[in-house]
Amino acid sequence: MAPKELSEDLKKVIFNLHKNGLRYKIIGKRIHISVNTVAKVTQKYKATGWLIDKHRPGRSSILSVRDICHIQRCAMNVRRRTASPLVQEMSSVSGKSVRKCEKRIMFSHVEWR
């Protein structure tokens, strides 16, 4: 189960109460949240200076937009072509290992009946 994210307003309330001198336990009882959550919010603010969670982009894409368009064009030109020749062609052209991405992109245009 994914952790529940706190709203920015609630984080501001937590930090303001802590700044006014209240302890974690008292803040947790007033707002009805865990003492550990209160501690993490205040410690995170002290370390970073931000109450907002920064966007986590995840892993960067291996393929550029140009590579994706090239794969789709090749797949549309020769419909009976399998993914392995496309993988070999892309690795020889761009030098990138793209086997899993290639299959996903190649079959994204297929209409299932």
N, C-alpha and C. Protein backbone atom coordinates (compact mmCIF):
# COMPACT_ATOMS: atom_id res chain seq x y z
N MET A 1 0.85 -1.18 0.00
CA MET A 1 0.00 0.00 0.00
C MET A 1 0.88 1.24 0.00
N ALA A 2 0.59 2.16 -0.87
CA ALA A 2 1.39 3.37 -1.00
C ALA A 2 1.14 4.30 0.20
N PRO A 3 2.18 5.01 0.64
CA PRO A 3 1.99 5.93 1.76
C PRO A 3 1.10 7.10 1.36
N LYS A 4 0.30 7.55 2.31
CA LYS A 4 -0.62 8.64 2.06
C LYS A 4 0.14 9.97 2.18
N GLU A 5 0.02 10.80 1.19
CA GLU A 5 0.73 12.08 1.18
C GLU A 5 -0.09 13.12 1.94
N LEU A 6 0.60 13.95 2.70
CA LEU A 6 -0.06 15.01 3.45
C LEU A 6 -0.20 16.24 2.55
N SER A 7 -1.26 17.00 2.79
CA SER A 7 -1.44 18.23 2.01
C SER A 7 -0.43 19.28 2.46
N GLU A 8 -0.21 20.26 1.59
CA GLU A 8 0.73 21.33 1.92
C GLU A 8 0.25 22.13 3.12
N ASP A 9 -1.07 22.34 3.21
CA ASP A 9 -1.62 23.11 4.33
C ASP A 9 -1.36 22.41 5.66
N LEU A 10 -1.54 21.09 5.67
CA LEU A 10 -1.30 20.34 6.89
C LEU A 10 0.18 20.37 7.28
N LYS A 11 1.05 20.31 6.29
CA LYS A 11 2.48 20.40 6.58
C LYS A 11 2.84 21.76 7.15
N LYS A 12 2.21 22.83 6.63
CA LYS A 12 2.45 24.17 7.16
C LYS A 12 1.98 24.28 8.60
N VAL A 13 0.82 23.69 8.89
CA VAL A 13 0.29 23.71 10.26
C VAL A 13 1.25 22.99 11.20
N ILE A 14 1.73 21.83 10.77
CA ILE A 14 2.66 21.05 11.59
C ILE A 14 3.91 21.87 11.88
N PHE A 15 4.48 22.46 10.84
CA PHE A 15 5.72 23.19 11.05
C PHE A 15 5.51 24.44 11.90
N ASN A 16 4.38 25.15 11.71
CA ASN A 16 4.10 26.33 12.53
C ASN A 16 3.92 25.97 13.99
N LEU A 17 3.22 24.87 14.26
CA LEU A 17 3.06 24.43 15.65
C LEU A 17 4.41 24.07 16.27
N HIS A 18 5.26 23.42 15.49
CA HIS A 18 6.58 23.06 16.00
C HIS A 18 7.43 24.31 16.23
N LYS A 19 7.30 25.29 15.32
CA LYS A 19 8.05 26.53 15.45
C LYS A 19 7.60 27.31 16.69
N ASN A 20 6.32 27.15 17.08
CA ASN A 20 5.79 27.82 18.26
C ASN A 20 6.20 27.12 19.56
N GLY A 21 6.91 26.01 19.46
CA GLY A 21 7.45 25.37 20.65
C GLY A 21 6.75 24.10 21.10
N LEU A 22 5.77 23.63 20.34
CA LEU A 22 5.10 22.39 20.74
C LEU A 22 5.95 21.18 20.36
N ARG A 23 5.83 20.13 21.15
CA ARG A 23 6.58 18.91 20.88
C ARG A 23 5.83 18.04 19.87
N TYR A 24 6.59 17.09 19.29
CA TYR A 24 6.02 16.21 18.26
C TYR A 24 4.79 15.46 18.77
N LYS A 25 4.86 14.97 19.99
CA LYS A 25 3.77 14.16 20.55
C LYS A 25 2.48 14.98 20.69
N ILE A 26 2.61 16.20 21.14
CA ILE A 26 1.44 17.06 21.32
C ILE A 26 0.85 17.45 19.96
N ILE A 27 1.72 17.76 19.01
CA ILE A 27 1.25 18.10 17.66
C ILE A 27 0.51 16.91 17.05
N GLY A 28 1.06 15.71 17.19
CA GLY A 28 0.43 14.50 16.67
C GLY A 28 -0.94 14.27 17.26
N LYS A 29 -1.08 14.50 18.57
CA LYS A 29 -2.39 14.30 19.20
C LYS A 29 -3.40 15.35 18.74
N ARG A 30 -2.97 16.58 18.56
CA ARG A 30 -3.89 17.64 18.13
C ARG A 30 -4.40 17.41 16.71
N ILE A 31 -3.52 16.97 15.84
CA ILE A 31 -3.90 16.82 14.43
C ILE A 31 -4.34 15.40 14.09
N HIS A 32 -4.16 14.48 15.01
CA HIS A 32 -4.52 13.07 14.85
C HIS A 32 -3.68 12.39 13.77
N ILE A 33 -2.37 12.59 13.87
CA ILE A 33 -1.44 11.88 13.00
C ILE A 33 -0.30 11.33 13.84
N SER A 34 0.49 10.47 13.25
CA SER A 34 1.58 9.81 13.95
C SER A 34 2.67 10.79 14.35
N VAL A 35 3.31 10.49 15.49
CA VAL A 35 4.43 11.30 15.96
C VAL A 35 5.57 11.23 14.95
N ASN A 36 5.78 10.04 14.36
CA ASN A 36 6.83 9.89 13.36
C ASN A 36 6.58 10.76 12.13
N THR A 37 5.34 10.91 11.73
CA THR A 37 5.00 11.75 10.59
C THR A 37 5.31 13.21 10.89
N VAL A 38 4.97 13.64 12.09
CA VAL A 38 5.28 15.01 12.50
C VAL A 38 6.79 15.23 12.48
N ALA A 39 7.53 14.28 13.01
CA ALA A 39 8.98 14.39 13.06
C ALA A 39 9.57 14.46 11.64
N LYS A 40 9.08 13.61 10.75
CA LYS A 40 9.61 13.58 9.38
C LYS A 40 9.33 14.89 8.65
N VAL A 41 8.13 15.45 8.83
CA VAL A 41 7.79 16.70 8.15
C VAL A 41 8.70 17.82 8.63
N THR A 42 8.90 17.94 9.94
CA THR A 42 9.73 19.02 10.46
C THR A 42 11.21 18.81 10.11
N GLN A 43 11.68 17.58 10.17
CA GLN A 43 13.08 17.31 9.82
C GLN A 43 13.34 17.55 8.34
N LYS A 44 12.36 17.20 7.51
CA LYS A 44 12.51 17.41 6.07
C LYS A 44 12.59 18.91 5.76
N TYR A 45 11.76 19.70 6.46
CA TYR A 45 11.81 21.14 6.24
C TYR A 45 13.14 21.73 6.71
N LYS A 46 13.61 21.27 7.85
CA LYS A 46 14.88 21.79 8.37
C LYS A 46 16.05 21.44 7.43
N ALA A 47 15.99 20.26 6.82
CA ALA A 47 17.08 19.82 5.94
C ALA A 47 17.03 20.51 4.58
N THR A 48 15.83 20.64 4.00
CA THR A 48 15.71 21.15 2.63
C THR A 48 15.20 22.58 2.53
N GLY A 49 14.43 23.01 3.51
CA GLY A 49 13.81 24.33 3.43
C GLY A 49 12.52 24.34 2.64
N TRP A 50 12.03 23.17 2.25
CA TRP A 50 10.81 23.03 1.45
C TRP A 50 9.79 22.18 2.19
N LEU A 51 8.53 22.59 2.12
CA LEU A 51 7.45 21.75 2.65
C LEU A 51 6.79 20.95 1.53
N ILE A 52 7.01 21.38 0.28
CA ILE A 52 6.39 20.72 -0.87
C ILE A 52 7.29 19.56 -1.30
N ASP A 53 6.68 18.45 -1.69
CA ASP A 53 7.45 17.33 -2.23
C ASP A 53 7.86 17.67 -3.65
N LYS A 54 9.12 17.44 -3.95
CA LYS A 54 9.59 17.69 -5.30
C LYS A 54 9.17 16.54 -6.21
N HIS A 55 8.98 16.87 -7.47
CA HIS A 55 8.58 15.86 -8.45
C HIS A 55 9.70 14.85 -8.63
N ARG A 56 9.34 13.56 -8.62
CA ARG A 56 10.32 12.50 -8.84
C ARG A 56 10.13 11.98 -10.26
N PRO A 57 11.02 12.32 -11.16
CA PRO A 57 10.82 11.98 -12.55
C PRO A 57 11.02 10.51 -12.89
N GLY A 58 11.73 9.78 -12.07
CA GLY A 58 11.99 8.38 -12.40
C GLY A 58 13.15 8.25 -13.35
N ARG A 59 13.23 7.12 -13.97
CA ARG A 59 14.34 6.84 -14.87
C ARG A 59 14.19 7.64 -16.16
N SER A 60 15.29 8.17 -16.65
CA SER A 60 15.23 8.92 -17.89
C SER A 60 15.07 7.97 -19.08
N SER A 61 14.48 8.48 -20.12
CA SER A 61 14.18 7.68 -21.30
C SER A 61 15.46 7.34 -22.05
N ILE A 62 15.54 6.11 -22.55
CA ILE A 62 16.69 5.68 -23.33
C ILE A 62 16.61 6.24 -24.74
N LEU A 63 15.41 6.25 -25.27
CA LEU A 63 15.21 6.66 -26.66
C LEU A 63 14.84 8.13 -26.75
N SER A 64 15.32 8.78 -27.78
CA SER A 64 14.90 10.15 -28.05
C SER A 64 13.61 10.11 -28.86
N VAL A 65 12.99 11.24 -29.03
CA VAL A 65 11.76 11.34 -29.81
C VAL A 65 12.04 10.92 -31.25
N ARG A 66 13.20 11.29 -31.75
CA ARG A 66 13.57 10.92 -33.11
C ARG A 66 13.68 9.41 -33.27
N ASP A 67 14.28 8.72 -32.28
CA ASP A 67 14.39 7.26 -32.32
C ASP A 67 13.01 6.60 -32.33
N ILE A 68 12.10 7.11 -31.51
CA ILE A 68 10.75 6.54 -31.44
C ILE A 68 10.03 6.70 -32.78
N CYS A 69 10.15 7.88 -33.38
CA CYS A 69 9.52 8.10 -34.70
C CYS A 69 10.10 7.17 -35.75
N HIS A 70 11.40 6.94 -35.70
CA HIS A 70 12.06 6.05 -36.65
C HIS A 70 11.53 4.62 -36.51
N ILE A 71 11.40 4.16 -35.28
CA ILE A 71 10.90 2.81 -35.03
C ILE A 71 9.47 2.67 -35.55
N GLN A 72 8.64 3.66 -35.25
CA GLN A 72 7.25 3.59 -35.70
C GLN A 72 7.15 3.62 -37.23
N ARG A 73 7.98 4.43 -37.86
CA ARG A 73 7.99 4.47 -39.33
C ARG A 73 8.39 3.14 -39.92
N CYS A 74 9.44 2.52 -39.37
CA CYS A 74 9.90 1.22 -39.86
C CYS A 74 8.82 0.15 -39.65
N ALA A 75 8.16 0.19 -38.52
CA ALA A 75 7.13 -0.80 -38.22
C ALA A 75 5.92 -0.64 -39.14
N MET A 76 5.60 0.61 -39.49
CA MET A 76 4.46 0.85 -40.38
C MET A 76 4.78 0.48 -41.83
N ASN A 77 6.03 0.64 -42.24
CA ASN A 77 6.41 0.35 -43.63
C ASN A 77 6.35 -1.15 -43.92
N VAL A 78 6.88 -1.94 -43.04
CA VAL A 78 6.89 -3.39 -43.25
C VAL A 78 6.16 -4.02 -42.08
N ARG A 79 4.90 -4.34 -42.27
CA ARG A 79 4.07 -4.81 -41.15
C ARG A 79 4.42 -6.22 -40.68
N ARG A 80 5.01 -7.03 -41.54
CA ARG A 80 5.34 -8.40 -41.14
C ARG A 80 6.71 -8.51 -40.48
N ARG A 81 7.34 -7.41 -40.30
CA ARG A 81 8.67 -7.38 -39.71
C ARG A 81 8.58 -7.66 -38.21
N THR A 82 9.48 -8.46 -37.70
CA THR A 82 9.50 -8.74 -36.26
C THR A 82 10.36 -7.70 -35.57
N ALA A 83 10.37 -7.77 -34.26
CA ALA A 83 11.10 -6.76 -33.49
C ALA A 83 12.60 -6.95 -33.56
N SER A 84 13.08 -8.19 -33.72
CA SER A 84 14.53 -8.41 -33.68
C SER A 84 15.30 -7.70 -34.80
N PRO A 85 14.81 -7.67 -36.07
CA PRO A 85 15.55 -6.88 -37.06
C PRO A 85 15.57 -5.39 -36.73
N LEU A 86 14.48 -4.89 -36.14
CA LEU A 86 14.46 -3.49 -35.76
C LEU A 86 15.47 -3.20 -34.65
N VAL A 87 15.59 -4.13 -33.72
CA VAL A 87 16.56 -3.98 -32.64
C VAL A 87 17.97 -3.91 -33.21
N GLN A 88 18.27 -4.80 -34.14
CA GLN A 88 19.61 -4.80 -34.75
C GLN A 88 19.85 -3.51 -35.53
N GLU A 89 18.84 -3.05 -36.25
CA GLU A 89 18.99 -1.82 -37.03
C GLU A 89 19.22 -0.62 -36.12
N MET A 90 18.44 -0.52 -35.05
CA MET A 90 18.59 0.61 -34.14
C MET A 90 19.94 0.59 -33.43
N SER A 91 20.39 -0.60 -33.02
CA SER A 91 21.68 -0.67 -32.31
C SER A 91 22.83 -0.32 -33.25
N SER A 92 22.69 -0.66 -34.55
CA SER A 92 23.76 -0.30 -35.49
C SER A 92 23.74 1.19 -35.82
N VAL A 93 22.54 1.79 -35.84
CA VAL A 93 22.42 3.21 -36.18
C VAL A 93 22.77 4.10 -34.98
N SER A 94 22.14 3.80 -33.84
CA SER A 94 22.30 4.70 -32.69
C SER A 94 23.27 4.18 -31.63
N GLY A 95 23.59 2.90 -31.66
CA GLY A 95 24.48 2.34 -30.65
C GLY A 95 23.80 2.13 -29.31
N LYS A 96 22.49 2.18 -29.26
CA LYS A 96 21.74 2.02 -28.01
C LYS A 96 21.15 0.62 -27.95
N SER A 97 21.12 0.06 -26.76
CA SER A 97 20.48 -1.23 -26.55
C SER A 97 19.04 -0.96 -26.14
N VAL A 98 18.09 -1.28 -27.00
CA VAL A 98 16.72 -0.85 -26.79
C VAL A 98 15.70 -1.97 -26.99
N ARG A 99 16.05 -3.18 -26.66
CA ARG A 99 15.20 -4.32 -26.98
C ARG A 99 13.80 -4.20 -26.38
N LYS A 100 13.67 -3.91 -25.08
CA LYS A 100 12.34 -3.84 -24.45
C LYS A 100 11.54 -2.64 -24.95
N CYS A 101 12.19 -1.50 -25.10
CA CYS A 101 11.50 -0.30 -25.60
C CYS A 101 11.02 -0.52 -27.02
N GLU A 102 11.84 -1.18 -27.78
CA GLU A 102 11.54 -1.41 -29.20
C GLU A 102 10.23 -2.18 -29.36
N LYS A 103 10.09 -3.26 -28.62
CA LYS A 103 8.88 -4.07 -28.74
C LYS A 103 7.65 -3.29 -28.31
N ARG A 104 7.77 -2.52 -27.24
CA ARG A 104 6.63 -1.75 -26.74
C ARG A 104 6.20 -0.71 -27.77
N ILE A 105 7.15 -0.02 -28.35
CA ILE A 105 6.83 1.02 -29.33
C ILE A 105 6.32 0.40 -30.63
N MET A 106 6.93 -0.70 -31.04
CA MET A 106 6.56 -1.31 -32.31
C MET A 106 5.11 -1.78 -32.30
N PHE A 107 4.65 -2.30 -31.18
CA PHE A 107 3.30 -2.83 -31.12
C PHE A 107 2.29 -1.82 -30.58
N SER A 108 2.71 -0.59 -30.33
CA SER A 108 1.77 0.41 -29.82
C SER A 108 0.79 0.88 -30.89
N HIS A 109 1.16 0.75 -32.15
CA HIS A 109 0.30 1.20 -33.24
C HIS A 109 -0.66 0.12 -33.74
N VAL A 110 -0.48 -1.13 -33.25
CA VAL A 110 -1.27 -2.24 -33.75
C VAL A 110 -2.69 -2.15 -33.20
N GLU A 111 -3.67 -2.31 -34.06
CA GLU A 111 -5.07 -2.32 -33.64
C GLU A 111 -5.52 -3.76 -33.46
N TRP A 112 -5.95 -4.09 -32.27
CA TRP A 112 -6.40 -5.47 -31.98
C TRP A 112 -7.88 -5.57 -32.27
N ARG A 113 -8.26 -6.64 -32.93
CA ARG A 113 -9.67 -6.83 -33.27
C ARG A 113 -10.29 -7.94 -32.48
